[in-house]
N, C-alpha and C. Protein backbone atom coordinates (compact mmCIF):
# COMPACT_ATOMS: atom_id res chain seq x y z
N MET A 1 133.50 145.61 -16.95
CA MET A 1 134.51 144.94 -17.64
C MET A 1 133.72 143.73 -17.93
N GLY A 2 133.82 143.50 -19.14
CA GLY A 2 133.01 142.23 -19.65
C GLY A 2 133.68 140.97 -19.10
N ILE A 3 133.12 139.76 -19.21
CA ILE A 3 133.53 138.62 -18.75
C ILE A 3 134.75 138.16 -19.92
N ASP A 4 134.46 138.25 -21.00
CA ASP A 4 135.34 138.28 -22.22
C ASP A 4 136.79 138.81 -21.76
N ASP A 5 136.59 140.11 -21.55
CA ASP A 5 137.68 140.81 -21.44
C ASP A 5 138.74 140.54 -19.98
N LYS A 6 137.78 140.03 -18.85
CA LYS A 6 138.35 139.09 -17.77
C LYS A 6 139.40 138.22 -18.13
N ILE A 7 138.76 137.29 -19.08
CA ILE A 7 139.19 135.94 -19.45
C ILE A 7 140.39 136.14 -20.36
N GLY A 8 140.17 137.17 -21.15
CA GLY A 8 141.47 137.43 -21.90
C GLY A 8 142.74 137.85 -21.17
N ASN A 9 142.39 138.76 -20.32
CA ASN A 9 143.35 139.44 -19.44
C ASN A 9 143.97 138.49 -18.64
N THR A 10 143.20 137.67 -18.17
CA THR A 10 143.90 136.57 -17.14
C THR A 10 144.65 135.64 -17.83
N THR A 11 144.23 135.17 -19.29
CA THR A 11 144.94 134.15 -19.98
C THR A 11 146.27 134.98 -20.48
N GLU A 12 146.22 136.15 -20.82
CA GLU A 12 147.34 136.98 -21.00
C GLU A 12 148.60 137.15 -19.73
N ASP A 13 148.06 137.22 -18.74
CA ASP A 13 148.67 137.27 -17.69
C ASP A 13 149.20 135.93 -16.99
N THR A 14 148.62 135.19 -17.16
CA THR A 14 148.94 133.53 -17.06
C THR A 14 150.03 133.25 -17.99
N THR A 15 149.86 133.36 -19.37
CA THR A 15 150.79 133.22 -20.36
C THR A 15 152.09 133.72 -20.11
N GLY A 16 151.97 134.96 -19.72
CA GLY A 16 153.28 135.61 -19.31
C GLY A 16 153.88 135.12 -18.09
N LYS A 17 153.18 134.46 -17.14
CA LYS A 17 153.97 133.93 -15.87
C LYS A 17 154.62 132.77 -16.69
N VAL A 18 154.11 131.99 -17.39
CA VAL A 18 154.28 130.61 -18.04
C VAL A 18 155.73 131.16 -18.85
N LYS A 19 155.73 131.85 -19.79
CA LYS A 19 156.83 132.37 -20.54
C LYS A 19 157.96 132.75 -19.88
N GLU A 20 157.69 133.67 -18.43
CA GLU A 20 158.93 134.17 -17.64
C GLU A 20 159.42 132.63 -16.84
N GLY A 21 158.68 132.14 -16.32
CA GLY A 21 159.07 130.93 -15.75
C GLY A 21 160.17 129.80 -16.71
N VAL A 22 159.63 129.59 -18.15
CA VAL A 22 160.23 129.07 -18.73
C VAL A 22 161.36 129.62 -19.29
N GLY A 23 161.43 130.78 -19.77
CA GLY A 23 162.67 131.75 -19.72
C GLY A 23 164.09 131.58 -18.74
N ARG A 24 163.11 131.68 -17.42
CA ARG A 24 164.36 131.58 -16.56
C ARG A 24 164.85 130.26 -16.25
N ALA A 25 163.98 129.37 -16.41
CA ALA A 25 164.42 127.82 -16.49
C ALA A 25 165.64 127.43 -17.29
N THR A 26 165.05 127.95 -18.48
CA THR A 26 166.21 127.43 -19.85
C THR A 26 167.25 128.63 -20.02
N ASP A 27 167.27 129.53 -19.19
CA ASP A 27 168.20 130.89 -19.21
C ASP A 27 168.14 131.47 -20.57
N ASN A 28 166.88 131.68 -20.52
CA ASN A 28 166.39 132.54 -22.26
C ASN A 28 165.81 133.98 -21.78
N GLU A 29 166.64 134.94 -21.70
CA GLU A 29 166.52 136.29 -21.14
C GLU A 29 165.39 136.94 -22.23
N ARG A 30 165.31 136.51 -23.62
CA ARG A 30 164.39 137.12 -24.33
C ARG A 30 162.90 136.49 -23.85
N LEU A 31 162.92 135.44 -23.82
CA LEU A 31 161.78 134.86 -23.53
C LEU A 31 160.96 135.19 -22.16
N GLU A 32 162.23 135.22 -21.07
CA GLU A 32 161.50 135.94 -19.87
C GLU A 32 161.05 137.30 -19.94
N ALA A 33 162.00 137.83 -20.67
CA ALA A 33 161.38 139.55 -20.94
C ALA A 33 160.02 139.57 -21.49
N GLU A 34 159.91 138.80 -22.43
CA GLU A 34 158.52 138.68 -23.24
C GLU A 34 157.49 138.18 -22.26
N GLY A 35 157.78 137.54 -21.21
CA GLY A 35 156.73 136.94 -20.41
C GLY A 35 156.56 138.09 -19.49
N ARG A 36 157.38 139.15 -19.03
CA ARG A 36 157.45 140.11 -18.10
C ARG A 36 156.36 141.17 -18.71
N ASN A 37 156.59 141.33 -19.91
CA ASN A 37 155.97 142.37 -20.76
C ASN A 37 154.43 141.98 -21.10
N ASP A 38 154.35 140.68 -21.41
CA ASP A 38 152.79 140.15 -21.44
C ASP A 38 151.82 140.49 -20.12
N GLN A 39 152.74 140.11 -19.09
CA GLN A 39 152.14 140.30 -17.64
C GLN A 39 151.93 141.91 -17.63
N THR A 40 152.71 142.70 -17.66
CA THR A 40 152.71 144.12 -17.67
C THR A 40 151.12 144.78 -18.53
N GLY A 41 151.25 144.28 -19.81
CA GLY A 41 150.04 144.35 -20.80
C GLY A 41 148.73 144.14 -20.32
N ALA A 42 148.96 143.09 -19.68
CA ALA A 42 147.80 142.53 -19.12
C ALA A 42 147.10 143.44 -17.85
N LYS A 43 147.99 143.77 -17.12
CA LYS A 43 147.76 144.22 -15.89
C LYS A 43 147.21 145.78 -16.31
N LEU A 44 147.91 146.48 -17.57
CA LEU A 44 147.34 147.70 -17.77
C LEU A 44 145.97 147.76 -18.06
N LYS A 45 145.92 146.36 -19.09
CA LYS A 45 144.48 146.57 -19.64
C LYS A 45 143.37 146.22 -18.55
N GLN A 46 143.58 145.42 -17.72
CA GLN A 46 142.62 145.59 -16.53
C GLN A 46 142.65 146.75 -15.70
N ALA A 47 143.67 147.66 -15.68
CA ALA A 47 143.67 148.85 -15.03
C ALA A 47 142.69 149.81 -15.82
N GLY A 48 142.83 149.89 -17.17
CA GLY A 48 141.85 150.52 -18.03
C GLY A 48 140.58 150.08 -18.00
N GLU A 49 140.12 148.85 -17.81
CA GLU A 49 138.90 148.41 -17.95
C GLU A 49 138.14 148.75 -16.69
N LYS A 50 139.17 148.71 -15.51
CA LYS A 50 138.34 149.43 -14.32
C LYS A 50 138.18 150.64 -14.12
N ILE A 51 139.08 151.47 -14.72
CA ILE A 51 138.74 152.99 -14.86
C ILE A 51 137.51 153.14 -15.82
N LYS A 52 137.25 152.37 -17.01
CA LYS A 52 135.97 152.64 -17.69
C LYS A 52 134.67 152.20 -16.90
N ASP A 53 134.97 151.27 -15.96
CA ASP A 53 133.85 150.76 -15.24
C ASP A 53 133.48 151.81 -14.46
N ALA A 54 134.48 152.35 -13.74
CA ALA A 54 134.20 153.39 -12.87
C ALA A 54 133.41 154.75 -13.26
N PHE A 55 133.67 154.97 -14.41
CA PHE A 55 132.88 156.35 -15.27
C PHE A 55 131.51 155.65 -15.49
N LYS A 56 131.24 154.63 -15.62
CA LYS A 56 130.08 154.03 -16.10
C LYS A 56 128.99 154.28 -15.29
N SER A 57 129.56 154.38 -14.04
CA SER A 57 128.75 153.91 -12.81
C SER A 57 127.91 155.36 -12.38
């Protein structure tokens, strides 16, 4: 996994956490759900990168 991928995935995960928190604080269910989706997407990308790295070795 390249450093750019790690930074991008971490940024997406952090952005998702912020969106979820803001959505919860403002009682905005759509924003909260969007934040959870962003986090899930980032975690799936990280898992995919780890699998690719395992097969490269």
